[in-house]
Amino acid sequence: MKQMLLFPDPRPLAERLGKEFFREAPQCAGVYLMRDAADTVLYVGKAKNLRKRLGSYRVANPDRMPRRHLRLLRAVVRIELRECADEAAALATESELLLALRPKFNRAGTWPVSPQFLAWRQDGPILELTVMEKPEDDWQTFGHIGGARYLQATLARLLWLATHPEAGLADLPAGWLRHAPKMRKAIRCGEFSDLAKSQLEALLSGEVQQFCEWTRLQVAVADVLTLTVLEADLELVAEAFGHCSFEGSSKNSSV
């Protein structure tokens, strides 16, 4: 039986911008710039369908949206839309704006990096994650993407914590708390190996919310440091892969 809500979820953007803003947003590719009261750009995002993407911001559910994103929605007073010819043009425009503006609430893409492939493969109970310049045999790849090295380190931590439910940060393999260069990460998943691989592939196929909720449910430790890093890593994943409303242009392919 579903629990009834005593109060509806907050809708700060709908209250400030009006329902018509969301209804009249163009159904085309483009970028959007979220600005505060001083007209400073707080966040830049891109979408294959602007109306659909903006619709994901209408409800600020505190149980389903990262705290960082809730703080963003409370600060936004205006959203500037820039239509693009197609998704590729939107991605290029977003990349240029991120490097030029370095908005406060963007983390991925705000520094110059060479696009790379995020790659993974399963060998029995072990799930390996690495980053490569071009696809190689026996690896599944996702990309090209900027910041692949940081995403690899973040995903390795999350998958390790999810497949070691009773462990915490103190038990992480050496070096996994930092973004060690050229470090291939082998996650010993044990009985969770198949599940971890399927959840990773679900994330890279667009099921961001599913991956985040699965990870939170798996982690059983209660120490503050582990949970703080867990939430920070999940926020980075949600930002990089689309705020639980994925419309990415990178392809998830087997080679």
Protein backbone atom coordinates (compact mmCIF):
# COMPACT_ATOMS: atom_id res chain seq x y z
CA MET A 1 0.00 0.00 0.00
CA LYS A 2 1.48 3.34 -1.02
CA GLN A 3 2.08 5.94 1.66
CA MET A 4 0.11 9.12 1.05
CA LEU A 5 2.03 12.40 1.04
CA LEU A 6 0.86 14.98 3.56
CA PHE A 7 2.52 17.71 1.50
CA PRO A 8 3.30 17.74 -2.25
CA ASP A 9 6.93 17.76 -3.38
CA PRO A 10 8.41 21.25 -3.84
CA ARG A 11 8.33 22.75 -7.35
CA PRO A 12 10.61 25.79 -7.01
CA LEU A 13 11.22 26.27 -10.75
CA ALA A 14 7.56 25.90 -11.68
CA GLU A 15 6.67 28.51 -9.07
CA ARG A 16 9.35 30.95 -10.30
CA LEU A 17 9.20 30.41 -14.05
CA GLY A 18 5.57 29.39 -14.46
CA LYS A 19 4.06 26.22 -15.90
CA GLU A 20 3.94 27.81 -19.34
CA PHE A 21 7.75 27.91 -19.49
CA PHE A 22 7.91 24.12 -19.36
CA ARG A 23 4.94 23.61 -21.70
CA GLU A 24 6.34 25.99 -24.32
CA ALA A 25 9.97 24.83 -24.26
CA PRO A 26 11.03 23.68 -27.75
CA GLN A 27 11.06 19.97 -28.51
CA CYS A 28 14.47 20.04 -30.16
CA ALA A 29 18.13 19.62 -29.31
CA GLY A 30 19.81 22.43 -27.45
CA VAL A 31 21.56 23.66 -24.34
CA TYR A 32 20.16 25.37 -21.27
CA LEU A 33 21.90 27.80 -18.92
CA MET A 34 20.54 28.07 -15.37
CA ARG A 35 21.13 31.54 -13.88
CA ASP A 36 20.75 32.99 -10.39
CA ALA A 37 19.42 36.38 -9.25
CA ALA A 38 22.70 38.05 -10.22
CA ASP A 39 22.41 36.49 -13.71
CA THR A 40 25.46 34.29 -13.02
CA VAL A 41 25.38 30.96 -14.85
CA LEU A 42 25.12 28.22 -12.21
CA TYR A 43 24.73 25.21 -14.49
CA VAL A 44 24.95 24.33 -18.19
CA GLY A 45 23.32 21.24 -19.63
CA LYS A 46 22.44 19.81 -23.03
CA ALA A 47 19.46 17.84 -24.22
CA LYS A 48 18.23 15.94 -27.23
CA ASN A 49 14.76 17.28 -26.40
CA LEU A 50 14.77 20.48 -24.33
CA ARG A 51 11.15 20.21 -23.23
CA LYS A 52 11.61 16.66 -22.00
CA ARG A 53 14.84 17.43 -20.16
CA LEU A 54 13.50 20.58 -18.49
CA GLY A 55 10.46 18.63 -17.37
CA SER A 56 12.73 16.52 -15.17
CA TYR A 57 13.46 19.65 -13.09
CA ARG A 58 9.85 20.54 -12.32
CA VAL A 59 9.63 18.45 -9.14
CA ALA A 60 12.38 18.73 -6.50
CA ASN A 61 11.78 15.46 -4.66
CA PRO A 62 14.26 15.39 -1.74
CA ASP A 63 14.19 11.58 -1.63
CA ARG A 64 15.04 11.07 -5.30
CA MET A 65 17.29 14.02 -6.18
CA PRO A 66 20.86 14.60 -4.89
CA ARG A 67 21.25 17.41 -2.36
CA ARG A 68 23.56 19.30 -4.71
CA HIS A 69 20.82 19.42 -7.36
CA LEU A 70 18.24 20.53 -4.80
CA ARG A 71 20.49 23.45 -3.85
CA LEU A 72 20.81 24.32 -7.54
CA LEU A 73 17.05 24.37 -8.15
CA ARG A 74 16.49 26.60 -5.13
CA ALA A 75 18.99 29.15 -6.51
CA VAL A 76 17.83 29.31 -10.15
CA VAL A 77 15.67 32.27 -11.16
CA ARG A 78 16.04 32.12 -14.95
CA ILE A 79 16.82 29.48 -17.58
CA GLU A 80 18.24 30.56 -20.92
CA LEU A 81 17.62 28.20 -23.85
CA ARG A 82 19.76 27.91 -26.97
CA GLU A 83 18.41 25.72 -29.74
CA CYS A 84 20.86 23.63 -31.80
CA ALA A 85 20.62 21.87 -35.14
CA ASP A 86 21.03 18.41 -33.62
CA GLU A 87 22.33 16.56 -30.57
CA ALA A 88 25.94 16.63 -31.79
CA ALA A 89 25.79 20.42 -32.11
CA ALA A 90 24.26 20.65 -28.62
CA LEU A 91 27.07 18.54 -27.17
CA ALA A 92 29.70 20.73 -28.85
CA THR A 93 28.01 23.93 -27.63
CA GLU A 94 27.74 22.56 -24.09
CA SER A 95 31.43 21.64 -24.07
CA GLU A 96 32.43 25.14 -25.19
CA LEU A 97 30.24 26.82 -22.56
CA LEU A 98 31.50 24.57 -19.75
CA LEU A 99 35.12 25.38 -20.49
CA ALA A 100 34.41 29.10 -20.91
CA LEU A 101 32.10 29.60 -17.92
CA ARG A 102 33.03 26.80 -15.46
CA PRO A 103 29.64 27.02 -13.72
CA LYS A 104 29.51 26.43 -9.98
CA PHE A 105 27.22 23.39 -10.16
CA ASN A 106 28.99 21.65 -13.07
CA ARG A 107 31.94 19.45 -12.25
CA ALA A 108 32.39 17.23 -15.29
CA GLY A 109 33.62 18.97 -18.43
CA THR A 110 34.80 22.23 -16.87
CA TRP A 111 38.52 21.56 -17.49
CA PRO A 112 40.22 20.70 -20.81
CA VAL A 113 40.62 16.93 -21.15
CA SER A 114 41.12 14.57 -24.06
CA PRO A 115 38.04 12.39 -24.78
CA GLN A 116 38.62 8.73 -23.97
CA PHE A 117 36.70 5.48 -23.72
CA LEU A 118 35.49 4.07 -20.43
CA ALA A 119 35.99 0.31 -20.79
CA TRP A 120 34.96 -2.73 -18.75
CA ARG A 121 34.94 -6.51 -18.87
CA GLN A 122 33.97 -9.38 -16.59
CA ASP A 123 36.20 -12.33 -15.73
CA GLY A 124 34.25 -14.59 -13.43
CA PRO A 125 33.90 -12.85 -10.05
CA ILE A 126 36.09 -9.93 -11.18
CA LEU A 127 34.83 -6.82 -12.96
CA GLU A 128 37.62 -4.72 -14.50
CA LEU A 129 37.35 -1.00 -15.28
CA THR A 130 39.86 1.00 -17.28
CA VAL A 131 40.21 3.95 -19.66
CA MET A 132 41.61 3.69 -23.18
CA GLU A 133 42.26 5.93 -26.17
CA LYS A 134 40.53 3.54 -28.60
CA PRO A 135 38.47 0.34 -28.23
CA GLU A 136 40.32 -2.93 -27.78
CA ASP A 137 39.27 -6.54 -28.24
CA ASP A 138 37.46 -8.25 -25.35
CA TRP A 139 36.41 -4.96 -23.76
CA GLN A 140 33.04 -3.21 -23.81
CA THR A 141 33.37 0.53 -24.19
CA PHE A 142 31.47 3.75 -23.59
CA GLY A 143 32.64 7.00 -25.18
CA HIS A 144 34.34 9.12 -26.34
CA ILE A 145 33.79 11.14 -23.18
CA GLY A 146 35.73 13.83 -21.36
CA GLY A 147 36.77 13.09 -17.80
CA ALA A 148 36.72 9.33 -18.34
CA ARG A 149 39.52 8.85 -15.80
CA TYR A 150 37.54 10.55 -13.04
CA LEU A 151 34.40 8.60 -13.90
CA GLN A 152 36.36 5.34 -13.86
CA ALA A 153 37.66 6.06 -10.35
CA THR A 154 34.21 7.12 -9.14
CA LEU A 155 32.44 4.07 -10.59
CA ALA A 156 35.11 1.72 -9.22
CA ARG A 157 34.54 3.06 -5.69
CA LEU A 158 30.75 2.82 -6.01
CA LEU A 159 30.79 -0.70 -7.43
CA TRP A 160 33.30 -1.86 -4.82
CA LEU A 161 31.17 -0.48 -1.96
CA ALA A 162 28.01 -1.99 -3.47
CA THR A 163 29.59 -5.45 -3.79
CA HIS A 164 31.19 -5.30 -0.30
CA PRO A 165 28.09 -4.24 1.68
CA GLU A 166 29.66 -4.55 5.13
CA ALA A 167 32.93 -2.78 4.24
CA GLY A 168 33.78 0.91 4.29
CA LEU A 169 36.31 3.33 2.85
CA ALA A 170 39.03 2.04 5.17
CA ASP A 171 38.82 -1.31 3.39
CA LEU A 172 39.10 0.08 -0.16
CA PRO A 173 42.07 -1.17 -2.22
CA ALA A 174 45.09 1.11 -1.96
CA GLY A 175 44.92 4.20 -4.16
CA TRP A 176 41.20 3.97 -4.93
CA LEU A 177 40.33 7.15 -3.06
CA ARG A 178 42.28 9.22 -5.59
CA HIS A 179 42.29 9.34 -9.39
CA ALA A 180 45.52 7.40 -9.97
CA PRO A 181 46.71 7.81 -13.58
CA LYS A 182 46.68 4.77 -15.87
CA MET A 183 45.39 2.53 -13.09
CA ARG A 184 43.23 -0.43 -14.17
CA LYS A 185 40.83 -1.31 -11.39
CA ALA A 186 39.85 -4.94 -10.77
CA ILE A 187 36.76 -5.12 -8.57
CA ARG A 188 36.43 -8.48 -6.85
CA CYS A 189 32.65 -8.67 -6.78
CA GLY A 190 32.21 -12.27 -5.66
CA GLU A 191 28.57 -13.35 -5.76
CA PHE A 192 27.54 -9.87 -6.95
CA SER A 193 29.64 -9.98 -10.12
CA ASP A 194 26.84 -10.49 -12.65
CA LEU A 195 24.59 -8.01 -10.85
CA ALA A 196 27.34 -5.36 -10.71
CA LYS A 197 28.01 -5.71 -14.44
CA SER A 198 24.31 -5.47 -15.28
CA GLN A 199 23.90 -2.37 -13.10
CA LEU A 200 26.93 -0.71 -14.70
CA GLU A 201 25.52 -1.41 -18.17
CA ALA A 202 22.10 -0.14 -17.07
CA LEU A 203 23.74 3.12 -15.95
CA LEU A 204 25.56 3.54 -19.25
CA SER A 205 22.31 2.82 -21.09
CA GLY A 206 20.56 5.64 -19.27
CA GLU A 207 19.16 4.07 -16.10
CA VAL A 208 20.89 6.53 -13.78
CA GLN A 209 18.24 6.50 -11.06
CA GLN A 210 18.19 2.69 -11.02
CA PHE A 211 21.96 2.54 -10.55
CA CYS A 212 21.96 5.15 -7.76
CA GLU A 213 19.12 3.50 -5.85
CA TRP A 214 20.70 0.02 -6.20
CA THR A 215 24.02 1.31 -4.88
CA ARG A 216 22.43 2.99 -1.87
CA LEU A 217 20.44 -0.13 -1.01
CA GLN A 218 23.51 -2.35 -1.27
CA VAL A 219 25.73 -0.34 1.09
CA ALA A 220 25.05 -1.45 4.66
CA VAL A 221 27.73 0.47 6.59
CA ALA A 222 26.77 3.51 8.64
CA ASP A 223 30.03 5.41 9.17
CA VAL A 224 29.74 9.07 8.22
CA LEU A 225 32.86 9.26 6.01
CA THR A 226 31.83 6.33 3.81
CA LEU A 227 28.30 7.66 3.37
CA THR A 228 29.59 11.16 2.60
CA VAL A 229 31.92 9.89 -0.14
CA LEU A 230 29.15 7.60 -1.43
CA GLU A 231 26.73 10.52 -1.85
CA ALA A 232 29.39 12.74 -3.44
CA ASP A 233 30.24 10.01 -5.96
CA LEU A 234 26.56 9.38 -6.73
CA GLU A 235 26.05 13.10 -7.33
CA LEU A 236 28.95 13.12 -9.78
CA VAL A 237 27.48 10.10 -11.60
CA ALA A 238 24.04 11.73 -11.75
CA GLU A 239 25.57 14.92 -13.13
CA ALA A 240 27.79 13.16 -15.66
CA PHE A 241 25.09 10.83 -16.96
CA GLY A 242 22.08 13.07 -16.92
CA HIS A 243 20.22 13.88 -13.69
CA CYS A 244 18.26 10.61 -13.75
CA SER A 245 16.89 11.58 -17.16
CA PHE A 246 19.60 10.37 -19.50
CA GLU A 247 19.76 11.52 -23.10
CA GLY A 248 23.47 10.99 -23.74
CA SER A 249 24.96 10.80 -27.23
CA SER A 250 27.81 8.44 -26.39
CA LYS A 251 27.34 4.86 -27.47
CA ASN A 252 27.63 1.79 -25.33
CA SER A 253 29.18 -0.81 -27.64
CA SER A 254 30.81 -4.20 -27.54
CA VAL A 255 34.05 -4.61 -29.45
